[in-house]
């Protein structure tokens, strides 16, 4: 029994010894926590921790990183320190473990003085086997005094990409963690992240001075998530973006949902527009009071009568929020990097069921990212951030406007260069028809609720074409109507795609598939018909 009167993980009734073999011990610990199977990479990570070996764990969001340090932490009488920058993540994990009867403590800035004292006392006395904290906590004398009474056998660093100056979310407080590890007697270090590229992972291991660490790099694919990127530009694009969001969220199959916006103002406005359509939507951003944000999070996590279907948030929300049944994640603004996008999109479908990640990308957002990088150009203290920002800008731009499978592009970014993937359902807008949303170019938009509500019938104008291209464009529209076979015409191709075909006049399949909106599925079904129409109309041919 441990000091709380509960049986410790790894012990047996009647005082029987735990298995000596680390693999057998890991399997026994997994069963004691009530899990039937390991996820890829978990068993190796737990065995490494039990053997006192450093490890670098790179797993996708929802891949089960937390079990890698929780299980060995609960199995030991010594202290495991879990460092995370995310109070929401710490609270979710702490609450789940304490409700299950496990001796775990948390120390965060959101706690009052009495709660903090009680948590530190549980660490000091030996009752707590795991303590969650933010990196800033190591500047507190009271915290250092409490952990100073314990032998520390594992330092688990979550969101470890924050230690890399080339990571997408670098935080200076994380740079001190390698020195803190030495001050603590250099316990075993487990660095965990969901979004480290290969160079970032190498830097993490180097900063912590890891010698021959276990490297777990689980597959990055989330086969149950479909990835759609809808590029919007021109007059009325903001209204059409909102209309697409409202149409998508009107389907209960796409809720609960998280909608990410670029600014606090946009967050409040989008949430208000969604409420005007009858959806239970609330905003979440750093400009709100802490208790307001906590209430929004609780209502989103709960399933009660006051539950919220949609949270519209800045990137302050979602990191570490462990809600398994999020059916869709929407980006109303272009994220600053592919890493940030994939981490946020990964909040969808953590229960393994079909889910969507949708980016509604306005070209104007690229200008915002350019200005952000230019502002850092003249500051020598931000030189690395400036080089990193431009690299991230080009990567996210290539992802949005590229023509290869979204899933393959994401995996390649993280060094997972498999040639083929196996999504459990729909893959992406490149590989499959975008047939679950209206045509982005001609969708009807509502008048904003803030100006009186009501429903309008305005639509986006047809793409601008030269007089020489108009006949081919009209011929393609007529063909599209026949090819749709009674379904909405946009399920074959939208006006923007047809206009691009008419303007570029591809001479063959390689040129055709380079056009935005044309994917392998389109080519397989319609290439012969489309290329025949192009050949019938005179004009310059694409190379």
Protein backbone atom coordinates (compact mmCIF):
# COMPACT_ATOMS: atom_id res chain seq x y z
CA UNK A 1 0.00 0.00 0.00
CA UNK A 2 1.13 3.59 -0.61
CA UNK A 3 0.91 6.42 1.90
CA UNK A 4 -2.66 7.23 0.90
CA UNK A 5 -3.76 3.70 1.82
CA UNK A 6 -4.19 2.69 -1.82
CA UNK A 7 -2.44 -0.12 -3.63
CA UNK A 8 0.44 1.17 -5.71
CA UNK A 9 0.68 0.27 -9.37
CA UNK A 10 3.05 -2.62 -9.85
CA UNK A 11 2.40 -4.18 -6.46
CA UNK A 12 0.31 -7.28 -5.97
CA UNK A 13 -2.23 -8.35 -3.34
CA UNK A 14 -0.56 -10.07 -0.40
CA UNK A 15 2.74 -8.29 -1.04
CA UNK A 16 3.74 -10.35 -4.08
CA UNK A 17 6.68 -8.86 -5.97
CA UNK A 18 6.12 -7.04 -9.26
CA UNK A 19 7.55 -8.74 -12.38
CA UNK A 20 11.31 -8.16 -12.70
CA UNK A 21 11.39 -8.06 -16.49
CA UNK A 22 10.67 -4.46 -17.64
CA UNK A 23 8.47 -5.65 -20.50
CA UNK A 24 6.38 -7.91 -18.28
CA UNK A 25 6.19 -5.17 -15.69
CA UNK A 26 4.98 -2.66 -18.29
CA UNK A 27 2.27 -5.08 -19.46
CA UNK A 28 1.15 -5.65 -15.88
CA UNK A 29 0.99 -1.90 -15.22
CA UNK A 30 -1.10 -1.36 -18.35
CA UNK A 31 -3.61 -3.98 -17.22
CA UNK A 32 -3.81 -2.44 -13.74
CA UNK A 33 -4.78 0.89 -15.27
CA UNK A 34 -7.56 -0.86 -17.17
CA UNK A 35 -6.19 -0.68 -20.73
CA UNK A 36 -6.45 -3.68 -23.02
CA UNK A 37 -3.83 -2.79 -25.61
CA UNK A 38 -0.83 -0.59 -26.20
CA UNK A 39 -0.83 2.10 -28.84
CA UNK A 40 2.19 2.26 -31.17
CA UNK A 41 5.31 3.34 -29.30
CA UNK A 42 3.81 3.41 -25.79
CA UNK A 43 5.24 0.12 -24.53
CA UNK A 44 8.77 0.99 -25.65
CA UNK A 45 8.51 4.41 -23.97
CA UNK A 46 7.29 2.97 -20.66
CA UNK A 47 10.01 0.31 -20.64
CA UNK A 48 12.65 2.97 -21.28
CA UNK A 49 11.39 5.02 -18.31
CA UNK A 50 11.36 1.93 -16.06
CA UNK A 51 14.96 1.21 -17.09
CA UNK A 52 16.07 4.80 -16.46
CA UNK A 53 16.74 5.56 -20.13
CA UNK A 54 16.11 8.99 -21.67
CA UNK A 55 13.55 9.10 -24.44
CA UNK A 56 12.22 11.40 -27.14
CA UNK A 57 8.56 10.64 -27.82
CA UNK A 58 7.03 12.10 -30.99
CA UNK A 59 3.40 11.04 -31.32
CA UNK A 60 0.44 12.71 -33.04
CA UNK A 61 -2.21 14.50 -31.02
CA UNK A 62 -4.39 11.83 -29.48
CA UNK A 63 -1.66 9.21 -29.89
CA UNK A 64 -1.37 8.50 -26.17
CA UNK A 65 1.74 10.42 -25.07
CA UNK A 66 0.43 11.02 -21.55
CA UNK A 67 0.31 7.32 -20.70
CA UNK A 68 4.03 7.07 -21.49
CA UNK A 69 4.91 9.11 -18.38
CA UNK A 70 1.82 8.55 -16.22
CA UNK A 71 2.24 4.81 -16.02
CA UNK A 72 5.90 4.69 -14.88
CA UNK A 73 5.23 7.70 -12.64
CA UNK A 74 2.45 5.95 -10.76
CA UNK A 75 4.51 2.75 -10.55
CA UNK A 76 7.35 4.37 -8.60
CA UNK A 77 7.53 5.54 -5.00
CA UNK A 78 9.80 8.37 -6.19
CA UNK A 79 8.55 11.60 -7.75
CA UNK A 80 7.75 12.19 -11.42
CA UNK A 81 7.60 15.84 -12.50
CA UNK A 82 5.51 16.58 -15.59
CA UNK A 83 6.24 19.98 -17.13
CA UNK A 84 3.62 21.51 -19.41
CA UNK A 85 2.88 25.08 -20.54
CA UNK A 86 -0.83 24.28 -20.73
CA UNK A 87 -2.96 24.67 -17.62
CA UNK A 88 -5.92 23.08 -19.40
CA UNK A 89 -3.91 19.95 -20.18
CA UNK A 90 -2.56 19.71 -16.66
CA UNK A 91 -5.99 20.12 -15.12
CA UNK A 92 -7.62 17.54 -17.40
CA UNK A 93 -4.98 14.91 -16.67
CA UNK A 94 -4.81 15.72 -12.95
CA UNK A 95 -8.58 15.53 -12.61
CA UNK A 96 -8.85 12.23 -14.47
CA UNK A 97 -6.14 10.59 -12.36
CA UNK A 98 -7.32 11.91 -9.00
CA UNK A 99 -10.90 10.89 -9.71
CA UNK A 100 -9.56 7.39 -10.35
CA UNK A 101 -7.91 7.46 -6.92
CA UNK A 102 -4.30 8.01 -7.96
CA UNK A 103 -1.94 10.19 -5.85
CA UNK A 104 -1.26 13.10 -8.21
CA UNK A 105 -0.71 16.81 -7.53
CA UNK A 106 -0.83 19.94 -9.67
CA UNK A 107 0.65 23.39 -9.04
CA UNK A 108 -0.47 26.20 -11.35
CA UNK A 109 -1.02 29.94 -11.40
CA UNK A 110 -4.78 29.36 -11.58
CA UNK A 111 -4.85 27.88 -8.05
CA UNK A 112 -5.46 29.90 -4.89
CA UNK A 113 -3.02 29.99 -1.98
CA UNK A 114 -4.73 27.22 -0.02
CA UNK A 115 -4.85 24.85 -2.99
CA UNK A 116 -1.20 25.53 -3.77
CA UNK A 117 -0.13 24.85 -0.16
CA UNK A 118 -2.06 21.57 -0.09
CA UNK A 119 -0.51 20.44 -3.38
CA UNK A 120 3.02 21.31 -2.26
CA UNK A 121 2.48 19.50 1.04
CA UNK A 122 1.41 16.35 -0.80
CA UNK A 123 4.64 16.53 -2.80
CA UNK A 124 6.82 17.26 0.22
CA UNK A 125 5.33 14.48 2.33
CA UNK A 126 5.61 11.84 -0.37
CA UNK A 127 1.89 11.33 -0.90
CA UNK A 128 1.98 12.54 -4.51
CA UNK A 129 3.78 10.35 -7.03
CA UNK A 130 3.32 12.76 -9.93
CA UNK A 131 3.26 16.56 -9.85
CA UNK A 132 2.19 18.67 -12.84
CA UNK A 133 3.68 22.15 -13.21
CA UNK A 134 4.53 24.88 -15.72
CA UNK A 135 8.22 25.61 -16.47
CA UNK A 136 7.97 28.94 -14.64
CA UNK A 137 7.29 27.07 -11.40
CA UNK A 138 10.99 26.25 -11.00
CA UNK A 139 11.55 29.91 -10.12
CA UNK A 140 9.44 29.42 -6.96
CA UNK A 141 11.37 28.74 -3.73
CA UNK A 142 8.35 27.02 -2.20
CA UNK A 143 8.13 24.62 -5.13
CA UNK A 144 11.86 23.91 -5.13
CA UNK A 145 11.72 23.27 -1.39
CA UNK A 146 8.85 20.78 -1.80
CA UNK A 147 10.50 18.76 -4.57
CA UNK A 148 13.81 19.00 -2.72
CA UNK A 149 12.41 16.58 -0.11
CA UNK A 150 11.95 13.88 -2.75
CA UNK A 151 14.05 11.70 -4.98
CA UNK A 152 13.08 12.50 -8.57
CA UNK A 153 13.34 9.63 -11.00
CA UNK A 154 11.55 11.04 -14.07
CA UNK A 155 11.27 14.50 -15.59
CA UNK A 156 8.62 14.41 -18.33
CA UNK A 157 8.62 17.48 -20.58
CA UNK A 158 5.40 17.77 -22.54
CA UNK A 159 5.13 20.06 -25.60
CA UNK A 160 8.92 19.61 -25.80
CA UNK A 161 9.11 21.42 -29.16
CA UNK A 162 8.92 24.59 -27.06
CA UNK A 163 12.59 24.05 -26.12
CA UNK A 164 13.68 24.40 -29.76
CA UNK A 165 14.38 27.82 -31.20
CA UNK A 166 13.33 26.33 -34.55
CA UNK A 167 10.09 24.93 -33.16
CA UNK A 168 6.80 26.61 -34.04
CA UNK A 169 6.05 27.54 -30.42
CA UNK A 170 9.44 28.37 -28.88
CA UNK A 171 9.27 29.53 -25.25
CA UNK A 172 12.31 30.99 -23.44
CA UNK A 173 11.27 29.40 -20.12
CA UNK A 174 11.76 26.00 -21.74
CA UNK A 175 15.42 26.79 -22.49
CA UNK A 176 16.17 26.62 -18.76
CA UNK A 177 14.79 23.09 -18.36
CA UNK A 178 18.05 21.29 -19.30
CA UNK A 179 19.88 23.23 -16.57
CA UNK A 180 17.03 22.52 -14.14
CA UNK A 181 17.35 18.81 -14.91
CA UNK A 182 21.01 18.97 -13.86
CA UNK A 183 20.10 20.80 -10.64
CA UNK A 184 17.61 18.05 -9.84
CA UNK A 185 20.33 15.43 -10.04
CA UNK A 186 19.74 14.66 -13.73
CA UNK A 187 16.79 12.27 -13.47
CA UNK A 188 15.63 10.30 -16.48
CA UNK A 189 14.21 12.74 -19.06
CA UNK A 190 11.24 11.96 -21.30
CA UNK A 191 10.62 14.68 -23.90
CA UNK A 192 7.18 14.46 -25.55
CA UNK A 193 5.72 16.37 -28.48
CA UNK A 194 3.17 15.95 -31.25
CA UNK A 195 4.62 18.38 -33.77
CA UNK A 196 8.41 18.08 -33.99
CA UNK A 197 9.99 17.91 -37.41
CA UNK A 198 13.17 15.80 -37.59
CA UNK A 199 15.56 18.80 -37.12
CA UNK A 200 13.55 20.02 -34.11
CA UNK A 201 13.61 16.55 -32.53
CA UNK A 202 17.41 16.43 -32.94
CA UNK A 203 17.74 19.83 -31.23
CA UNK A 204 15.56 18.72 -28.29
CA UNK A 205 17.77 15.67 -27.67
CA UNK A 206 20.92 17.77 -27.92
CA UNK A 207 19.70 20.44 -25.49
CA UNK A 208 18.91 17.84 -22.83
CA UNK A 209 22.22 16.08 -23.40
CA UNK A 210 20.52 12.77 -24.10
CA UNK A 211 22.92 9.88 -24.70
CA UNK A 212 21.58 7.12 -26.92
CA UNK A 213 17.96 7.95 -26.04
CA UNK A 214 15.03 5.84 -27.09
CA UNK A 215 13.48 7.61 -30.07
CA UNK A 216 9.80 6.87 -30.63
CA UNK A 217 8.45 8.43 -33.77
CA UNK A 218 4.96 7.06 -34.20
CA UNK A 219 3.20 7.52 -37.51
CA UNK A 220 1.77 11.02 -37.85
CA UNK A 221 -1.28 10.00 -39.83
CA UNK A 222 -4.76 10.48 -38.38
CA UNK A 223 -6.66 8.20 -40.78
CA UNK A 224 -10.10 9.08 -39.40
CA UNK A 225 -9.72 12.81 -40.18
CA UNK A 226 -10.43 14.26 -43.62
CA UNK A 227 -8.53 17.41 -44.56
CA UNK A 228 -10.16 20.10 -46.69
CA UNK A 229 -8.61 23.43 -47.67
CA UNK A 230 -10.91 25.90 -49.39
CA UNK A 231 -9.09 28.94 -50.78
CA UNK A 232 -11.22 32.09 -50.95
CA UNK A 233 -10.36 35.39 -52.57
CA UNK A 234 -11.98 38.38 -54.20
CA UNK A 235 -15.06 40.41 -53.39
CA UNK A 236 -17.37 38.87 -50.80
CA UNK A 237 -14.88 36.22 -49.71
CA UNK A 238 -15.34 37.00 -46.01
CA UNK A 239 -19.11 36.58 -46.24
CA UNK A 240 -18.74 33.36 -48.23
CA UNK A 241 -16.29 32.03 -45.65
CA UNK A 242 -18.85 32.61 -42.89
CA UNK A 243 -21.60 31.02 -45.00
CA UNK A 244 -19.50 27.89 -45.54
CA UNK A 245 -18.86 27.63 -41.82
CA UNK A 246 -22.55 28.03 -40.98
CA UNK A 247 -23.57 25.45 -43.58
CA UNK A 248 -21.03 22.94 -42.33
CA UNK A 249 -21.93 23.36 -38.68
CA UNK A 250 -25.66 23.17 -39.40
CA UNK A 251 -25.10 19.43 -39.85
CA UNK A 252 -25.18 17.79 -36.39
CA UNK A 253 -22.64 15.24 -37.65
CA UNK A 254 -20.03 18.03 -37.60
CA UNK A 255 -20.61 18.96 -33.96
CA UNK A 256 -19.14 19.36 -31.35
CA UNK A 257 -16.71 21.63 -33.15
CA UNK A 258 -13.82 24.00 -32.53
CA UNK A 259 -13.48 27.06 -34.78
CA UNK A 260 -10.14 28.87 -34.76
CA UNK A 261 -9.96 32.58 -35.61
CA UNK A 262 -6.96 34.86 -35.95
CA UNK A 263 -8.03 37.70 -33.64
CA UNK A 264 -10.14 38.18 -30.53
CA UNK A 265 -12.47 40.49 -32.47
CA UNK A 266 -13.09 37.85 -35.13
CA UNK A 267 -13.68 35.28 -32.41
CA UNK A 268 -16.46 37.34 -30.85
CA UNK A 269 -18.03 38.20 -34.22
CA UNK A 270 -18.04 34.64 -35.58
CA UNK A 271 -19.48 33.24 -32.36
CA UNK A 272 -22.25 35.85 -32.51
CA UNK A 273 -23.06 34.98 -36.12
CA UNK A 274 -23.27 31.29 -35.27
CA UNK A 275 -25.61 31.98 -32.35
CA UNK A 276 -27.82 33.97 -34.76
CA UNK A 277 -28.31 30.75 -36.73
CA UNK A 278 -29.43 28.90 -33.60
CA UNK A 279 -26.17 27.15 -32.73
CA UNK A 280 -24.96 26.99 -29.15
CA UNK A 281 -21.64 28.76 -29.72
CA UNK A 282 -19.37 30.69 -27.36
CA UNK A 283 -16.13 32.61 -27.81
CA UNK A 284 -12.88 31.82 -25.99
CA UNK A 285 -9.81 34.06 -26.00
CA UNK A 286 -7.16 35.52 -23.73
CA UNK A 287 -9.02 38.82 -23.40
CA UNK A 288 -11.72 37.15 -21.31
CA UNK A 289 -11.54 36.77 -17.54
CA UNK A 290 -10.08 33.49 -16.33
CA UNK A 291 -13.36 32.36 -14.78
CA UNK A 292 -15.19 33.11 -18.04
CA UNK A 293 -12.76 30.97 -20.02
CA UNK A 294 -13.04 28.16 -17.49
CA UNK A 295 -16.83 28.26 -17.74
CA UNK A 296 -16.73 28.06 -21.55
CA UNK A 297 -14.34 25.13 -21.37
CA UNK A 298 -16.49 23.27 -18.81
CA UNK A 299 -19.64 23.79 -20.90
CA UNK A 300 -17.84 22.49 -23.98
CA UNK A 301 -16.43 19.46 -22.18
CA UNK A 302 -19.72 18.55 -20.49
CA UNK A 303 -22.75 16.87 -21.96
CA UNK A 304 -25.33 18.55 -19.74
CA UNK A 305 -28.27 20.78 -20.54
CA UNK A 306 -26.05 23.88 -20.76
CA UNK A 307 -23.48 22.18 -22.99
CA UNK A 308 -21.92 24.21 -25.80
CA UNK A 309 -21.76 22.70 -29.29
CA UNK A 310 -19.16 25.05 -30.75
CA UNK A 311 -16.25 26.96 -29.24
CA UNK A 312 -14.93 29.80 -31.40
CA UNK A 313 -11.44 30.57 -30.20
CA UNK A 314 -8.01 31.94 -30.79
CA UNK A 315 -5.16 29.47 -30.50
CA UNK A 316 -5.36 29.96 -26.73
CA UNK A 317 -7.96 27.18 -26.70
CA UNK A 318 -7.67 23.51 -27.38
CA UNK A 319 -4.04 22.88 -26.56
CA UNK A 320 -4.28 20.02 -24.12
CA UNK A 321 -8.08 20.00 -23.97
CA UNK A 322 -8.86 16.30 -24.06
CA UNK A 323 -12.35 16.09 -25.58
CA UNK A 324 -12.58 12.87 -27.52
CA UNK A 325 -15.72 13.49 -29.60
CA UNK A 326 -14.86 16.73 -31.43
CA UNK A 327 -16.27 16.03 -34.88
CA UNK A 328 -14.79 18.97 -36.78
CA UNK A 329 -12.11 21.64 -36.43
CA UNK A 330 -12.33 24.75 -38.60
CA UNK A 331 -9.68 27.37 -39.32
CA UNK A 332 -11.12 30.74 -40.26
CA UNK A 333 -7.61 32.20 -40.53
CA UNK A 334 -4.40 30.77 -41.95
CA UNK A 335 -2.28 29.41 -39.07
CA UNK A 336 1.29 30.64 -38.66
CA UNK A 337 2.78 27.23 -39.48
CA UNK A 338 1.98 23.72 -40.66
CA UNK A 339 2.91 22.45 -37.18
CA UNK A 340 0.37 24.76 -35.51
CA UNK A 341 -2.29 23.78 -38.04
CA UNK A 342 -1.79 20.03 -37.58
CA UNK A 343 -1.74 20.28 -33.81
CA UNK A 344 -5.02 22.21 -33.81
CA UNK A 345 -6.63 20.07 -36.50
CA UNK A 346 -5.67 17.05 -34.43
CA UNK A 347 -8.20 18.06 -31.76
CA UNK A 348 -10.77 16.41 -34.02
CA UNK A 349 -11.66 12.75 -33.78
CA UNK A 350 -9.60 11.63 -30.81
CA UNK A 351 -12.17 8.86 -30.33
CA UNK A 352 -11.17 7.39 -33.70
CA UNK A 353 -14.51 8.11 -35.39
CA UNK A 354 -14.85 10.00 -38.71
CA UNK A 355 -14.04 13.70 -38.30
CA UNK A 356 -13.17 16.75 -40.39
CA UNK A 357 -10.46 19.40 -40.43
CA UNK A 358 -11.42 22.35 -42.65
CA UNK A 359 -9.32 25.41 -43.44
CA UNK A 360 -11.19 28.34 -45.00
CA UNK A 361 -8.16 30.22 -46.29
CA UNK A 362 -8.46 33.83 -47.40
CA UNK A 363 -5.56 35.17 -49.41
CA UNK A 364 -5.56 38.33 -47.32
CA UNK A 365 -4.36 36.26 -44.34
CA UNK A 366 -1.08 35.61 -46.13
CA UNK A 367 -0.51 39.36 -46.12
CA UNK A 368 -0.99 39.35 -42.35
CA UNK A 369 1.75 36.73 -41.97
CA UNK A 370 4.06 38.69 -44.28
CA UNK A 371 3.60 41.86 -42.21
CA UNK A 372 4.23 39.92 -39.01
CA UNK A 373 7.55 38.64 -40.34
CA UNK A 374 8.58 42.03 -41.70
CA UNK A 375 7.99 43.62 -38.29
CA UNK A 376 10.64 41.32 -36.81
CA UNK A 377 13.22 42.01 -39.53
CA UNK A 378 14.88 44.98 -37.84
CA UNK A 379 15.23 43.48 -34.35
CA UNK A 380 18.52 41.57 -33.87
CA UNK A 381 17.06 39.78 -30.85
CA UNK A 382 14.43 38.27 -33.14
CA UNK A 383 16.78 37.18 -35.92
CA UNK A 384 16.16 33.45 -35.46
CA UNK A 385 12.42 34.02 -35.09
CA UNK A 386 12.52 36.08 -38.33
CA UNK A 387 14.25 33.24 -40.33
CA UNK A 388 11.91 30.67 -38.72
CA UNK A 389 8.83 32.78 -39.49
CA UNK A 390 9.63 32.99 -43.20
CA UNK A 391 10.27 29.27 -43.41
CA UNK A 392 6.95 28.57 -41.72
CA UNK A 393 5.21 31.07 -44.04
CA UNK A 394 6.41 29.34 -47.19
CA UNK A 395 5.52 25.90 -45.80
CA UNK A 396 1.92 26.83 -44.95
CA UNK A 397 1.51 28.69 -48.26
CA UNK A 398 2.73 25.64 -50.19
CA UNK A 399 0.36 23.41 -48.21
CA UNK A 400 -2.67 25.58 -48.99
CA UNK A 401 -2.03 26.16 -52.68
CA UNK A 402 -0.25 22.89 -53.46
CA UNK A 403 -1.80 20.21 -55.62
CA UNK A 404 -0.77 16.99 -53.90
CA UNK A 405 -2.81 15.05 -51.37
CA UNK A 406 -3.21 17.07 -48.16
CA UNK A 407 -2.54 14.02 -46.01
CA UNK A 408 0.66 13.11 -47.85
CA UNK A 409 1.82 16.75 -47.70
CA UNK A 410 1.29 16.86 -43.92
CA UNK A 411 3.09 13.59 -43.32
CA UNK A 412 6.01 14.61 -45.51
CA UNK A 413 6.38 17.85 -43.54
CA UNK A 414 7.02 15.81 -40.41
CA UNK A 415 9.39 13.40 -42.09
CA UNK A 416 6.81 10.62 -42.49
CA UNK A 417 7.35 10.09 -46.21
CA UNK A 418 5.08 7.18 -46.94
CA UNK A 419 4.02 7.07 -50.57
CA UNK A 420 0.50 5.87 -49.84
CA UNK A 421 -1.92 6.41 -46.98
CA UNK A 422 -4.99 4.53 -45.87
CA UNK A 423 -7.67 6.94 -44.63
CA UNK A 424 -10.64 5.20 -43.05
CA UNK A 425 -13.04 7.40 -45.00
CA UNK A 426 -12.81 10.52 -47.14
CA UNK A 427 -9.22 11.76 -47.56
CA UNK A 428 -9.06 15.41 -48.65
CA UNK A 429 -10.27 17.97 -51.18
CA UNK A 430 -7.46 17.03 -53.55
CA UNK A 431 -8.19 13.31 -53.61
CA UNK A 432 -12.00 13.40 -53.24
CA UNK A 433 -14.84 15.58 -54.43
CA UNK A 434 -15.74 18.41 -52.08
CA UNK A 435 -19.36 17.29 -52.16
CA UNK A 436 -20.39 17.95 -48.57
CA UNK A 437 -20.36 21.76 -48.82
CA UNK A 438 -21.96 24.16 -51.33
CA UNK A 439 -19.90 25.67 -54.13
CA UNK A 440 -17.58 28.18 -52.39
CA UNK A 441 -17.77 30.53 -55.38
CA UNK A 442 -21.55 30.80 -55.55
CA UNK A 443 -22.79 30.04 -52.03
CA UNK A 444 -25.63 32.28 -50.86
CA UNK A 445 -24.73 34.43 -47.87
CA UNK A 446 -26.77 35.88 -45.04
CA UNK A 447 -26.70 39.50 -44.04
CA UNK A 448 -24.64 39.75 -40.84
CA UNK A 449 -26.69 39.42 -37.68
CA UNK A 450 -25.15 42.60 -36.29
CA UNK A 451 -26.79 44.61 -39.09
CA UNK A 452 -30.29 43.27 -38.69
CA UNK A 453 -30.13 39.57 -39.57
CA UNK A 454 -32.27 38.10 -42.31
CA UNK A 455 -31.20 36.00 -45.22
CA UNK A 456 -29.81 37.39 -48.41
CA UNK A 457 -29.49 35.84 -51.80
CA UNK A 458 -26.21 37.41 -52.89
CA UNK A 459 -23.61 35.16 -54.44
CA UNK A 460 -20.02 35.51 -55.53
CA UNK A 461 -19.44 36.80 -59.05
CA UNK A 462 -18.27 34.42 -61.75
CA UNK A 463 -14.50 34.30 -62.23
CA UNK A 464 -13.03 36.93 -64.58
CA UNK A 465 -12.02 35.45 -67.95
CA UNK A 466 -10.79 36.87 -71.21
CA UNK A 467 -13.28 36.89 -74.13
CA UNK A 468 -11.25 34.12 -75.78
CA UNK A 469 -11.70 31.86 -72.74
CA UNK A 470 -15.43 32.39 -72.21
CA UNK A 471 -16.63 29.83 -74.83
CA UNK A 472 -14.57 27.04 -73.27
CA UNK A 473 -15.75 28.04 -69.80
CA UNK A 474 -19.39 27.85 -70.91
CA UNK A 475 -18.78 24.49 -72.60
CA UNK A 476 -17.21 23.16 -69.42
CA UNK A 477 -20.22 24.32 -67.39
CA UNK A 478 -22.60 22.48 -69.70
CA UNK A 479 -20.44 19.36 -69.52
CA UNK A 480 -20.35 19.64 -65.72
CA UNK A 481 -24.14 19.64 -65.56
CA UNK A 482 -24.26 16.39 -67.55
CA UNK A 483 -21.44 14.81 -65.54
CA UNK A 484 -23.19 15.59 -62.25
CA UNK A 485 -26.02 13.19 -63.22
CA UNK A 486 -28.65 14.96 -61.17
CA UNK A 487 -26.38 15.88 -58.25
CA UNK A 488 -25.36 19.50 -57.56
CA UNK A 489 -22.96 20.65 -60.26
CA UNK A 490 -20.30 21.82 -57.81
CA UNK A 491 -19.78 18.20 -56.70
CA UNK A 492 -17.95 17.70 -59.99
CA UNK A 493 -15.97 20.98 -59.94
CA UNK A 494 -16.59 24.54 -58.85
CA UNK A 495 -16.55 27.58 -61.11
CA UNK A 496 -13.04 28.56 -60.04
CA UNK A 497 -11.65 25.21 -61.17
CA UNK A 498 -13.46 25.36 -64.51
CA UNK A 499 -12.23 28.92 -65.04
CA UNK A 500 -8.65 27.82 -64.38
CA UNK A 501 -9.03 25.02 -66.92
CA UNK A 502 -10.44 27.45 -69.47
CA UNK A 503 -7.60 29.93 -68.91
CA UNK A 504 -4.70 27.46 -68.77
CA UNK A 505 -5.98 24.94 -71.34
CA UNK A 506 -4.06 21.87 -70.15
CA UNK A 507 -2.77 19.65 -72.94
CA UNK A 508 -2.63 16.45 -70.94
CA UNK A 509 -3.21 14.80 -67.57
CA UNK A 510 0.04 16.09 -65.95
CA UNK A 511 -0.95 19.69 -66.72
CA UNK A 512 -4.57 19.07 -65.71
CA UNK A 513 -3.71 17.74 -62.25
CA UNK A 514 -1.61 20.85 -61.56
CA UNK A 515 -4.78 22.96 -61.55
CA UNK A 516 -6.19 23.84 -58.12
CA UNK A 517 -9.30 21.80 -57.38
CA UNK A 518 -8.29 18.94 -59.65
CA UNK A 519 -7.24 15.78 -57.87
CA UNK A 520 -6.65 12.12 -58.74
CA UNK A 521 -10.35 11.31 -58.41
CA UNK A 522 -11.30 14.06 -60.87
CA UNK A 523 -8.62 12.98 -63.33
CA UNK A 524 -9.67 9.33 -63.17
CA UNK A 525 -13.31 10.16 -63.82
CA UNK A 526 -13.26 13.18 -66.09
CA UNK A 527 -9.84 13.77 -67.67
CA UNK A 528 -10.76 12.37 -71.09
CA UNK A 529 -13.92 14.47 -71.37
CA UNK A 530 -12.27 17.67 -70.16
CA UNK A 531 -9.16 17.34 -72.34
CA UNK A 532 -11.39 16.64 -75.35
CA UNK A 533 -13.32 19.86 -74.70
CA UNK A 534 -10.06 21.80 -74.35
CA UNK A 535 -8.83 20.37 -77.66
CA UNK A 536 -12.04 21.47 -79.40
CA UNK A 537 -11.44 25.12 -78.51
CA UNK A 538 -8.66 27.07 -80.10
CA UNK A 539 -6.15 28.93 -77.97
CA UNK A 540 -2.70 28.62 -76.41
CA UNK A 541 -2.03 25.32 -74.67
CA UNK A 542 -0.47 24.88 -71.29
CA UNK A 543 2.91 23.19 -71.22
